[in-house]
PDB file of N, CA and C in Angstrom:
ATOM      1  N   MET A   1      12.936  88.008 139.095  1.00  0.00           N
ATOM      2  CA  MET A   1      14.084  88.633 139.727  1.00  0.00           C
ATOM      3  C   MET A   1      13.855  90.130 139.783  1.00  0.00           C
ATOM      4  N   ALA A   2      14.215  90.747 140.882  1.00  0.00           N
ATOM      5  CA  ALA A   2      13.950  92.170 141.084  1.00  0.00           C
ATOM      6  C   ALA A   2      15.183  93.005 140.755  1.00  0.00           C
ATOM      7  N   ILE A   3      15.011  93.888 139.811  1.00  0.00           N
ATOM      8  CA  ILE A   3      16.055  94.830 139.414  1.00  0.00           C
ATOM      9  C   ILE A   3      15.600  96.206 139.879  1.00  0.00           C
ATOM     10  N   GLN A   4      16.471  96.918 140.569  1.00  0.00           N
ATOM     11  CA  GLN A   4      16.159  98.246 141.082  1.00  0.00           C
ATOM     12  C   GLN A   4      16.548  99.283 140.029  1.00  0.00           C
ATOM     13  N   VAL A   5      15.583 100.083 139.600  1.00  0.00           N
ATOM     14  CA  VAL A   5      15.836 101.114 138.595  1.00  0.00           C
ATOM     15  C   VAL A   5      15.687 102.473 139.256  1.00  0.00           C
ATOM     16  N   ARG A   6      16.760 103.252 139.248  1.00  0.00           N
ATOM     17  CA  ARG A   6      16.759 104.608 139.813  1.00  0.00           C
ATOM     18  C   ARG A   6      16.281 105.582 138.739  1.00  0.00           C
ATOM     19  N   ILE A   7      15.278 106.371 139.089  1.00  0.00           N
ATOM     20  CA  ILE A   7      14.687 107.329 138.154  1.00  0.00           C
ATOM     21  C   ILE A   7      15.215 108.727 138.493  1.00  0.00           C
ATOM     22  N   PRO A   8      15.843 109.405 137.543  1.00  0.00           N
ATOM     23  CA  PRO A   8      16.349 110.759 137.821  1.00  0.00           C
ATOM     24  C   PRO A   8      15.196 111.761 137.952  1.00  0.00           C
ATOM     25  N   SER A   9      15.450 112.830 138.659  1.00  0.00           N
ATOM     26  CA  SER A   9      14.398 113.820 138.923  1.00  0.00           C
ATOM     27  C   SER A   9      13.776 114.362 137.638  1.00  0.00           C
ATOM     28  N   VAL A  10      14.547 114.498 136.583  1.00  0.00           N
ATOM     29  CA  VAL A  10      14.031 115.055 135.332  1.00  0.00           C
ATOM     30  C   VAL A  10      12.979 114.135 134.679  1.00  0.00           C
ATOM     31  N   LEU A  11      12.955 112.859 135.030  1.00  0.00           N
ATOM     32  CA  LEU A  11      11.979 111.920 134.457  1.00  0.00           C
ATOM     33  C   LEU A  11      10.867 111.530 135.428  1.00  0.00           C
ATOM     34  N   ARG A  12      10.893 112.047 136.629  1.00  0.00           N
ATOM     35  CA  ARG A  12       9.911 111.631 137.637  1.00  0.00           C
ATOM     36  C   ARG A  12       8.497 112.109 137.339  1.00  0.00           C
ATOM     37  N   ARG A  13       8.366 113.104 136.513  1.00  0.00           N
ATOM     38  CA  ARG A  13       7.025 113.544 136.117  1.00  0.00           C
ATOM     39  C   ARG A  13       6.322 112.390 135.377  1.00  0.00           C
ATOM     40  N   GLN A  14       7.078 111.649 134.584  1.00  0.00           N
ATOM     41  CA  GLN A  14       6.515 110.524 133.837  1.00  0.00           C
ATOM     42  C   GLN A  14       6.284 109.289 134.715  1.00  0.00           C
ATOM     43  N   THR A  15       6.912 109.234 135.893  1.00  0.00           N
ATOM     44  CA  THR A  15       6.765 108.062 136.772  1.00  0.00           C
ATOM     45  C   THR A  15       5.946 108.386 138.012  1.00  0.00           C
ATOM     46  N   ASN A  16       5.113 109.399 137.914  1.00  0.00           N
ATOM     47  CA  ASN A  16       4.254 109.797 139.031  1.00  0.00           C
ATOM     48  C   ASN A  16       5.047 110.097 140.304  1.00  0.00           C
ATOM     49  N   GLY A  17       6.247 110.644 140.138  1.00  0.00           N
ATOM     50  CA  GLY A  17       7.073 111.021 141.274  1.00  0.00           C
ATOM     51  C   GLY A  17       7.949 109.917 141.835  1.00  0.00           C
ATOM     52  N   GLU A  18       7.822 108.712 141.302  1.00  0.00           N
ATOM     53  CA  GLU A  18       8.630 107.589 141.799  1.00  0.00           C
ATOM     54  C   GLU A  18      10.110 107.840 141.501  1.00  0.00           C
ATOM     55  N   ASP A  19      10.969 107.635 142.506  1.00  0.00           N
ATOM     56  CA  ASP A  19      12.408 107.795 142.289  1.00  0.00           C
ATOM     57  C   ASP A  19      13.125 106.457 142.145  1.00  0.00           C
ATOM     58  N   MET A  20      12.408 105.368 142.458  1.00  0.00           N
ATOM     59  CA  MET A  20      12.970 104.030 142.318  1.00  0.00           C
ATOM     60  C   MET A  20      11.833 103.070 142.004  1.00  0.00           C
ATOM     61  N   VAL A  21      12.104 102.165 141.068  1.00  0.00           N
ATOM     62  CA  VAL A  21      11.105 101.192 140.638  1.00  0.00           C
ATOM     63  C   VAL A  21      11.761  99.813 140.632  1.00  0.00           C
ATOM     64  N   LEU A  22      11.038  98.800 141.087  1.00  0.00           N
ATOM     65  CA  LEU A  22      11.510  97.420 141.009  1.00  0.00           C
ATOM     66  C   LEU A  22      10.870  96.757 139.800  1.00  0.00           C
ATOM     67  N   LEU A  23      11.695  96.156 138.955  1.00  0.00           N
ATOM     68  CA  LEU A  23      11.207  95.505 137.742  1.00  0.00           C
ATOM     69  C   LEU A  23      11.898  94.157 137.571  1.00  0.00           C
ATOM     70  N   ASP A  24      11.311  93.326 136.732  1.00  0.00           N
ATOM     71  CA  ASP A  24      11.897  92.035 136.406  1.00  0.00           C
ATOM     72  C   ASP A  24      12.452  92.078 134.995  1.00  0.00           C
ATOM     73  N   GLY A  25      13.410  91.213 134.734  1.00  0.00           N
ATOM     74  CA  GLY A  25      13.970  91.082 133.397  1.00  0.00           C
ATOM     75  C   GLY A  25      15.255  90.298 133.436  1.00  0.00           C
ATOM     76  N   VAL A  26      15.620  89.751 132.299  1.00  0.00           N
ATOM     77  CA  VAL A  26      16.858  88.988 132.166  1.00  0.00           C
ATOM     78  C   VAL A  26      17.938  89.854 131.524  1.00  0.00           C
ATOM     79  N   THR A  27      17.498  90.839 130.731  1.00  0.00           N
ATOM     80  CA  THR A  27      18.428  91.774 130.092  1.00  0.00           C
ATOM     81  C   THR A  27      17.992  93.199 130.410  1.00  0.00           C
ATOM     82  N   LEU A  28      18.888  94.131 130.191  1.00  0.00           N
ATOM     83  CA  LEU A  28      18.540  95.544 130.381  1.00  0.00           C
ATOM     84  C   LEU A  28      17.367  95.924 129.485  1.00  0.00           C
ATOM     85  N   GLY A  29      17.365  95.446 128.254  1.00  0.00           N
ATOM     86  CA  GLY A  29      16.272  95.750 127.336  1.00  0.00           C
ATOM     87  C   GLY A  29      14.921  95.323 127.881  1.00  0.00           C
ATOM     88  N   GLU A  30      14.852  94.148 128.521  1.00  0.00           N
ATOM     89  CA  GLU A  30      13.599  93.683 129.113  1.00  0.00           C
ATOM     90  C   GLU A  30      13.184  94.577 130.280  1.00  0.00           C
ATOM     91  N   VAL A  31      14.157  95.015 131.061  1.00  0.00           N
ATOM     92  CA  VAL A  31      13.861  95.921 132.173  1.00  0.00           C
ATOM     93  C   VAL A  31      13.314  97.241 131.633  1.00  0.00           C
ATOM     94  N   LEU A  32      13.930  97.768 130.588  1.00  0.00           N
ATOM     95  CA  LEU A  32      13.441  99.017 129.988  1.00  0.00           C
ATOM     96  C   LEU A  32      12.059  98.827 129.376  1.00  0.00           C
ATOM     97  N   ASP A  33      11.799  97.653 128.777  1.00  0.00           N
ATOM     98  CA  ASP A  33      10.462  97.361 128.245  1.00  0.00           C
ATOM     99  C   ASP A  33       9.429  97.453 129.369  1.00  0.00           C
ATOM    100  N   GLY A  34       9.756  96.850 130.502  1.00  0.00           N
ATOM    101  CA  GLY A  34       8.853  96.867 131.650  1.00  0.00           C
ATOM    102  C   GLY A  34       8.633  98.272 132.177  1.00  0.00           C
ATOM    103  N   LEU A  35       9.700  99.060 132.209  1.00  0.00           N
ATOM    104  CA  LEU A  35       9.613 100.440 132.684  1.00  0.00           C
ATOM    105  C   LEU A  35       8.718 101.265 131.759  1.00  0.00           C
ATOM    106  N   GLU A  36       8.928 101.122 130.445  1.00  0.00           N
ATOM    107  CA  GLU A  36       8.132 101.878 129.474  1.00  0.00           C
ATOM    108  C   GLU A  36       6.677 101.409 129.444  1.00  0.00           C
ATOM    109  N   ALA A  37       6.437 100.120 129.716  1.00  0.00           N
ATOM    110  CA  ALA A  37       5.064  99.619 129.763  1.00  0.00           C
ATOM    111  C   ALA A  37       4.330 100.154 130.993  1.00  0.00           C
ATOM    112  N   ARG A  38       5.042 100.241 132.106  1.00  0.00           N
ATOM    113  CA  ARG A  38       4.424 100.726 133.344  1.00  0.00           C
ATOM    114  C   ARG A  38       4.165 102.230 133.286  1.00  0.00           C
ATOM    115  N   TYR A  39       5.104 102.958 132.673  1.00  0.00           N
ATOM    116  CA  TYR A  39       5.008 104.427 132.605  1.00  0.00           C
ATOM    117  C   TYR A  39       5.099 104.850 131.143  1.00  0.00           C
ATOM    118  N   GLU A  40       3.968 104.898 130.472  1.00  0.00           N
ATOM    119  CA  GLU A  40       3.955 105.183 129.044  1.00  0.00           C
ATOM    120  C   GLU A  40       4.589 106.516 128.684  1.00  0.00           C
ATOM    121  N   GLY A  41       4.639 107.451 129.631  1.00  0.00           N
ATOM    122  CA  GLY A  41       5.257 108.748 129.376  1.00  0.00           C
ATOM    123  C   GLY A  41       6.749 108.649 129.097  1.00  0.00           C
ATOM    124  N   LEU A  42       7.356 107.527 129.455  1.00  0.00           N
ATOM    125  CA  LEU A  42       8.785 107.332 129.203  1.00  0.00           C
ATOM    126  C   LEU A  42       9.077 106.841 127.789  1.00  0.00           C
ATOM    127  N   ARG A  43       8.060 106.293 127.140  1.00  0.00           N
ATOM    128  CA  ARG A  43       8.267 105.740 125.800  1.00  0.00           C
ATOM    129  C   ARG A  43       8.852 106.817 124.885  1.00  0.00           C
ATOM    130  N   GLY A  44       9.953 106.511 124.283  1.00  0.00           N
ATOM    131  CA  GLY A  44      10.608 107.444 123.379  1.00  0.00           C
ATOM    132  C   GLY A  44      11.614 108.368 124.045  1.00  0.00           C
ATOM    133  N   LYS A  45      11.598 108.462 125.344  1.00  0.00           N
ATOM    134  CA  LYS A  45      12.562 109.332 126.028  1.00  0.00           C
ATOM    135  C   LYS A  45      13.896 108.616 126.258  1.00  0.00           C
ATOM    136  N   LEU A  46      13.864 107.309 126.397  1.00  0.00           N
ATOM    137  CA  LEU A  46      15.082 106.544 126.677  1.00  0.00           C
ATOM    138  C   LEU A  46      15.649 105.863 125.444  1.00  0.00           C
ATOM    139  N   ARG A  47      14.755 105.418 124.548  1.00  0.00           N
ATOM    140  CA  ARG A  47      15.204 104.652 123.389  1.00  0.00           C
ATOM    141  C   ARG A  47      14.587 105.176 122.108  1.00  0.00           C
ATOM    142  N   GLY A  48      15.300 104.935 121.020  1.00  0.00           N
ATOM    143  CA  GLY A  48      14.818 105.331 119.703  1.00  0.00           C
ATOM    144  C   GLY A  48      13.873 104.291 119.132  1.00  0.00           C
ATOM    145  N   PRO A  49      13.438 104.494 117.882  1.00  0.00           N
ATOM    146  CA  PRO A  49      12.438 103.627 117.257  1.00  0.00           C
ATOM    147  C   PRO A  49      12.871 102.164 117.099  1.00  0.00           C
ATOM    148  N   GLN A  50      14.161 101.918 116.968  1.00  0.00           N
ATOM    149  CA  GLN A  50      14.659 100.546 116.838  1.00  0.00           C
ATOM    150  C   GLN A  50      15.088  99.952 118.176  1.00  0.00           C
ATOM    151  N   GLY A  51      14.787 100.637 119.260  1.00  0.00           N
ATOM    152  CA  GLY A  51      15.138 100.130 120.582  1.00  0.00           C
ATOM    153  C   GLY A  51      16.528 100.517 121.049  1.00  0.00           C
ATOM    154  N   GLU A  52      17.224 101.325 120.252  1.00  0.00           N
ATOM    155  CA  GLU A  52      18.574 101.761 120.638  1.00  0.00           C
ATOM    156  C   GLU A  52      18.485 102.801 121.741  1.00  0.00           C
ATOM    157  N   ILE A  53      19.431 102.745 122.663  1.00  0.00           N
ATOM    158  CA  ILE A  53      19.488 103.740 123.730  1.00  0.00           C
ATOM    159  C   ILE A  53      19.847 105.076 123.097  1.00  0.00           C
ATOM    160  N   ARG A  54      19.081 106.083 123.387  1.00  0.00           N
ATOM    161  CA  ARG A  54      19.371 107.411 122.829  1.00  0.00           C
ATOM    162  C   ARG A  54      20.751 107.872 123.295  1.00  0.00           C
ATOM    163  N   ARG A  55      21.464 108.556 122.440  1.00  0.00           N
ATOM    164  CA  ARG A  55      22.855 108.913 122.738  1.00  0.00           C
ATOM    165  C   ARG A  55      22.997 109.890 123.887  1.00  0.00           C
ATOM    166  N   PHE A  56      21.943 110.634 124.202  1.00  0.00           N
ATOM    167  CA  PHE A  56      22.017 111.581 125.309  1.00  0.00           C
ATOM    168  C   PHE A  56      21.545 110.969 126.630  1.00  0.00           C
ATOM    169  N   VAL A  57      21.287 109.665 126.636  1.00  0.00           N
ATOM    170  CA  VAL A  57      20.872 108.970 127.854  1.00  0.00           C
ATOM    171  C   VAL A  57      21.984 108.006 128.256  1.00  0.00           C
ATOM    172  N   ASN A  58      22.478 108.179 129.465  1.00  0.00           N
ATOM    173  CA  ASN A  58      23.499 107.274 130.000  1.00  0.00           C
ATOM    174  C   ASN A  58      22.831 106.322 130.979  1.00  0.00           C
ATOM    175  N   ILE A  59      23.126 105.046 130.820  1.00  0.00           N
ATOM    176  CA  ILE A  59      22.551 104.035 131.702  1.00  0.00           C
ATOM    177  C   ILE A  59      23.689 103.196 132.268  1.00  0.00           C
ATOM    178  N   TYR A  60      23.599 102.959 133.564  1.00  0.00           N
ATOM    179  CA  TYR A  60      24.617 102.184 134.266  1.00  0.00           C
ATOM    180  C   TYR A  60      23.961 101.003 134.968  1.00  0.00           C
ATOM    181  N   ILE A  61      24.644  99.881 134.957  1.00  0.00           N
ATOM    182  CA  ILE A  61      24.242  98.720 135.750  1.00  0.00           C
ATOM    183  C   ILE A  61      25.326  98.543 136.796  1.00  0.00           C
ATOM    184  N   ASN A  62      24.952  98.735 138.044  1.00  0.00           N
ATOM    185  CA  ASN A  62      25.920  98.634 139.143  1.00  0.00           C
ATOM    186  C   ASN A  62      27.163  99.478 138.870  1.00  0.00           C
ATOM    187  N   ASP A  63      26.964 100.709 138.450  1.00  0.00           N
ATOM    188  CA  ASP A  63      28.033 101.684 138.187  1.00  0.00           C
ATOM    189  C   ASP A  63      28.871 101.392 136.943  1.00  0.00           C
ATOM    190  N   GLU A  64      28.443 100.443 136.103  1.00  0.00           N
ATOM    191  CA  GLU A  64      29.161 100.165 134.853  1.00  0.00           C
ATOM    192  C   GLU A  64      28.335 100.684 133.685  1.00  0.00           C
ATOM    193  N   ASP A  65      28.969 101.494 132.842  1.00  0.00           N
ATOM    194  CA  ASP A  65      28.309 102.075 131.680  1.00  0.00           C
ATOM    195  C   ASP A  65      27.921 100.963 130.711  1.00  0.00           C
ATOM    196  N   ILE A  66      26.645 100.903 130.344  1.00  0.00           N
ATOM    197  CA  ILE A  66      26.197  99.828 129.457  1.00  0.00           C
ATOM    198  C   ILE A  66      26.801  99.934 128.062  1.00  0.00           C
ATOM    199  N   ARG A  67      27.289 101.100 127.695  1.00  0.00           N
ATOM    200  CA  ARG A  67      27.951 101.237 126.385  1.00  0.00           C
ATOM    201  C   ARG A  67      29.264 100.466 126.354  1.00  0.00           C
ATOM    202  N   LEU A  68      29.845 100.233 127.520  1.00  0.00           N
ATOM    203  CA  LEU A  68      31.076  99.445 127.604  1.00  0.00           C
ATOM    204  C   LEU A  68      30.769  97.967 127.830  1.00  0.00           C
ATOM    205  N   LEU A  69      29.502  97.655 128.015  1.00  0.00           N
ATOM    206  CA  LEU A  69      29.057  96.270 128.185  1.00  0.00           C
ATOM    207  C   LEU A  69      28.404  95.851 126.868  1.00  0.00           C
ATOM    208  N   SER A  70      27.191  95.371 126.919  1.00  0.00           N
ATOM    209  CA  SER A  70      26.499  94.925 125.702  1.00  0.00           C
ATOM    210  C   SER A  70      25.236  95.713 125.408  1.00  0.00           C
ATOM    211  N   GLY A  71      25.183  96.957 125.885  1.00  0.00           N
ATOM    212  CA  GLY A  71      24.016  97.791 125.618  1.00  0.00           C
ATOM    213  C   GLY A  71      22.740  97.164 126.148  1.00  0.00           C
ATOM    214  N   PRO A  72      21.642  97.225 125.379  1.00  0.00           N
ATOM    215  CA  PRO A  72      20.359  96.693 125.843  1.00  0.00           C
ATOM    216  C   PRO A  72      20.365  95.180 126.067  1.00  0.00           C
ATOM    217  N   THR A  73      21.302  94.469 125.463  1.00  0.00           N
ATOM    218  CA  THR A  73      21.341  93.012 125.646  1.00  0.00           C
ATOM    219  C   THR A  73      22.180  92.595 126.856  1.00  0.00           C
ATOM    220  N   THR A  74      22.677  93.561 127.610  1.00  0.00           N
ATOM    221  CA  THR A  74      23.461  93.258 128.812  1.00  0.00           C
ATOM    222  C   THR A  74      22.586  92.496 129.809  1.00  0.00           C
ATOM    223  N   PRO A  75      23.069  91.352 130.277  1.00  0.00           N
ATOM    224  CA  PRO A  75      22.293  90.595 131.266  1.00  0.00           C
ATOM    225  C   PRO A  75      22.215  91.339 132.603  1.00  0.00           C
ATOM    226  N   VAL A  76      21.104  91.165 133.292  1.00  0.00           N
ATOM    227  CA  VAL A  76      20.932  91.708 134.638  1.00  0.00           C
ATOM    228  C   VAL A  76      20.571  90.551 135.570  1.00  0.00           C
ATOM    229  N   ALA A  77      20.860  90.741 136.839  1.00  0.00           N
ATOM    230  CA  ALA A  77      20.608  89.692 137.824  1.00  0.00           C
ATOM    231  C   ALA A  77      19.856  90.270 139.016  1.00  0.00           C
ATOM    232  N   ASP A  78      19.234  89.408 139.759  1.00  0.00           N
ATOM    233  CA  ASP A  78      18.492  89.801 140.953  1.00  0.00           C
ATOM    234  C   ASP A  78      19.369  90.678 141.838  1.00  0.00           C
ATOM    235  N   GLY A  79      18.837  91.833 142.229  1.00  0.00           N
ATOM    236  CA  GLY A  79      19.570  92.747 143.091  1.00  0.00           C
ATOM    237  C   GLY A  79      20.404  93.788 142.365  1.00  0.00           C
ATOM    238  N   ASP A  80      20.524  93.686 141.036  1.00  0.00           N
ATOM    239  CA  ASP A  80      21.277  94.703 140.288  1.00  0.00           C
ATOM    240  C   ASP A  80      20.573  96.046 140.395  1.00  0.00           C
ATOM    241  N   GLU A  81      21.357  97.105 140.250  1.00  0.00           N
ATOM    242  CA  GLU A  81      20.819  98.461 140.262  1.00  0.00           C
ATOM    243  C   GLU A  81      21.088  99.124 138.918  1.00  0.00           C
ATOM    244  N   VAL A  82      20.040  99.592 138.290  1.00  0.00           N
ATOM    245  CA  VAL A  82      20.132 100.309 137.017  1.00  0.00           C
ATOM    246  C   VAL A  82      19.923 101.785 137.319  1.00  0.00           C
ATOM    247  N   THR A  83      20.842 102.604 136.849  1.00  0.00           N
ATOM    248  CA  THR A  83      20.751 104.048 137.046  1.00  0.00           C
ATOM    249  C   THR A  83      20.651 104.718 135.682  1.00  0.00           C
ATOM    250  N   ILE A  84      19.660 105.572 135.527  1.00  0.00           N
ATOM    251  CA  ILE A  84      19.439 106.306 134.276  1.00  0.00           C
ATOM    252  C   ILE A  84      19.848 107.745 134.505  1.00  0.00           C
ATOM    253  N   ILE A  85      20.730 108.242 133.625  1.00  0.00           N
ATOM    254  CA  ILE A  85      21.180 109.632 133.742  1.00  0.00           C
ATOM    255  C   ILE A  85      21.082 110.298 132.372  1.00  0.00           C
ATOM    256  N   PRO A  86      19.976 111.040 132.124  1.00  0.00           N
ATOM    257  CA  PRO A  86      19.875 111.761 130.861  1.00  0.00           C
ATOM    258  C   PRO A  86      20.735 113.025 130.898  1.00  0.00           C
ATOM    259  N   ALA A  87      21.323 113.342 129.778  1.00  0.00           N
ATOM    260  CA  ALA A  87      22.103 114.576 129.685  1.00  0.00           C
ATOM    261  C   ALA A  87      21.140 115.758 129.774  1.00  0.00           C
ATOM    262  N   VAL A  88      21.548 116.772 130.481  1.00  0.00           N
ATOM    263  CA  VAL A  88      20.735 117.976 130.628  1.00  0.00           C
ATOM    264  C   VAL A  88      21.545 119.142 130.082  1.00  0.00           C
ATOM    265  N   ALA A  89      20.953 119.875 129.161  1.00  0.00           N
ATOM    266  CA  ALA A  89      21.636 121.017 128.582  1.00  0.00           C
ATOM    267  C   ALA A  89      20.905 122.287 128.966  1.00  0.00           C
ATOM    268  N   GLY A  90      21.611 123.324 128.963  1.00  0.00           N
ATOM    269  CA  GLY A  90      20.989 124.611 129.274  1.00  0.00           C
ATOM    270  C   GLY A  90      21.913 125.739 128.875  1.00  0.00           C
ATOM    271  N   GLY A  91      21.453 126.895 129.045  1.00  0.00           N
ATOM    272  CA  GLY A  91      22.314 128.001 128.671  1.00  0.00           C
ATOM    273  C   GLY A  91      21.756 129.324 129.059  1.00  0.00           C
TER     274      GLY A  91
END
């Protein structure tokens, strides 16, 4: 099943400039595993050592915040869109 993952501009250096990637998976965690396997530069930027989503990274499945769903165990289906939005700070 193809899940569309939108890559924010701040992470495109790690994805060779790709702004959208198609991946397979049954859960969000599996999709993130596939993303991190394809682009090793992402490893550690989205999730912590135990696989938890880092608190400064917001992830949405079809515009629904995964923190209000089941986090990494949230099921995904063919055609779903995953959007990654890391917090950006500056001053």
